[in-house]
Amino acid sequence: MASIREWCRETHSPTGSYSTTSGGKTLASGAEDRNLRLWQVATGRELIVFKDLPAKVNSLAFSPDGRHLAAAIHDGSVRLWHAAKD
């Protein structure tokens, strides 16, 4: 499992967050557009989009077994989703 954060050089604030399942087959991405996306790494295919979150996504993390995804939202909330296992 890996988590990556992207930072803006001018504002020193996060512009995007990424996380992969431990098997590396699924990538989650979230950013300032208030959308969270799941991607199939091998093909680059977008699997699903969770639209119109209340604020930008600051951080993402899959559970160790890959079954759940947590997103820290800029409004201070944490959202959890059940994700398909790798």
Protein backbone atom coordinates (compact mmCIF):
# COMPACT_ATOMS: atom_id res chain seq x y z
CA MET A 1 0.00 0.00 0.00
CA ALA A 2 1.35 3.41 -0.93
CA SER A 3 0.14 6.95 -0.39
CA ILE A 4 1.38 9.92 -2.38
CA ARG A 5 0.56 13.60 -1.93
CA GLU A 6 1.10 16.28 -4.53
CA TRP A 7 2.05 19.79 -3.34
CA CYS A 8 1.76 23.21 -4.97
CA ARG A 9 5.16 24.91 -5.03
CA GLU A 10 3.69 28.42 -4.69
CA THR A 11 1.11 27.87 -1.92
CA HIS A 12 2.79 24.92 -0.14
CA SER A 13 -0.58 23.21 0.08
CA PRO A 14 -1.65 19.79 -1.21
CA THR A 15 -3.16 19.69 -4.71
CA GLY A 16 -3.84 15.97 -4.90
CA SER A 17 -3.62 12.70 -3.05
CA TYR A 18 -3.16 9.16 -4.31
CA SER A 19 -3.21 5.73 -2.73
CA THR A 20 -2.86 2.19 -4.06
CA THR A 21 -4.11 -1.08 -2.67
CA SER A 22 -1.45 -3.38 -1.22
CA GLY A 23 -1.59 -5.51 -4.37
CA GLY A 24 -1.09 -2.41 -6.52
CA LYS A 25 -4.02 -3.18 -8.81
CA THR A 26 -6.24 -0.24 -7.84
CA LEU A 27 -5.31 3.44 -7.49
CA ALA A 28 -7.46 6.05 -5.76
CA SER A 29 -7.01 9.72 -6.65
CA GLY A 30 -8.54 12.84 -5.17
CA ALA A 31 -7.86 16.54 -5.60
CA GLU A 32 -9.18 20.07 -5.51
CA ASP A 33 -12.00 19.26 -7.97
CA ARG A 34 -13.89 17.59 -5.05
CA ASN A 35 -14.03 14.26 -6.88
CA LEU A 36 -12.52 10.93 -5.89
CA ARG A 37 -11.67 8.40 -8.60
CA LEU A 38 -10.71 4.72 -8.58
CA TRP A 39 -8.48 3.49 -11.40
CA GLN A 40 -7.37 0.08 -12.65
CA VAL A 41 -3.58 0.45 -12.66
CA ALA A 42 -2.79 -2.14 -15.35
CA THR A 43 -5.06 -0.53 -17.97
CA GLY A 44 -5.45 3.05 -16.73
CA ARG A 45 -9.22 2.57 -16.90
CA GLU A 46 -11.34 4.72 -14.59
CA LEU A 47 -13.50 2.38 -12.51
CA ILE A 48 -15.74 4.83 -10.62
CA VAL A 49 -16.04 8.50 -9.71
CA PHE A 50 -17.44 9.80 -6.44
CA LYS A 51 -18.54 13.33 -7.39
CA ASP A 52 -19.26 16.52 -5.52
CA LEU A 53 -17.63 15.81 -2.18
CA PRO A 54 -18.13 18.71 0.27
CA ALA A 55 -14.55 19.97 -0.20
CA LYS A 56 -11.23 18.97 -1.79
CA VAL A 57 -9.60 15.65 -0.88
CA ASN A 58 -6.52 16.14 1.33
CA SER A 59 -5.45 12.54 1.87
CA LEU A 60 -6.40 8.99 0.89
CA ALA A 61 -5.62 5.56 2.32
CA PHE A 62 -6.76 2.03 1.61
CA SER A 63 -7.12 -0.39 4.51
CA PRO A 64 -4.38 -3.05 4.59
CA ASP A 65 -6.74 -5.65 3.12
CA GLY A 66 -7.83 -3.26 0.33
CA ARG A 67 -11.51 -3.54 1.27
CA HIS A 68 -12.00 0.02 2.51
CA LEU A 69 -10.91 3.46 1.38
CA ALA A 70 -10.69 6.48 3.71
CA ALA A 71 -10.57 10.05 2.48
CA ALA A 72 -9.69 13.06 4.61
CA ILE A 73 -11.76 15.95 3.28
CA HIS A 74 -10.67 19.59 3.63
CA ASP A 75 -13.84 20.41 5.63
CA GLY A 76 -12.47 18.26 8.48
CA SER A 77 -14.56 15.16 7.76
CA VAL A 78 -13.38 11.66 6.94
CA ARG A 79 -15.34 9.61 4.43
CA LEU A 80 -15.19 5.81 4.23
CA TRP A 81 -16.12 3.60 1.29
CA HIS A 82 -16.28 -0.14 0.85
CA ALA A 83 -13.93 -0.94 -2.03
CA ALA A 84 -13.62 -4.16 -3.98
CA LYS A 85 -10.69 -6.32 -2.91
CA ASP A 86 -7.68 -6.46 -5.29
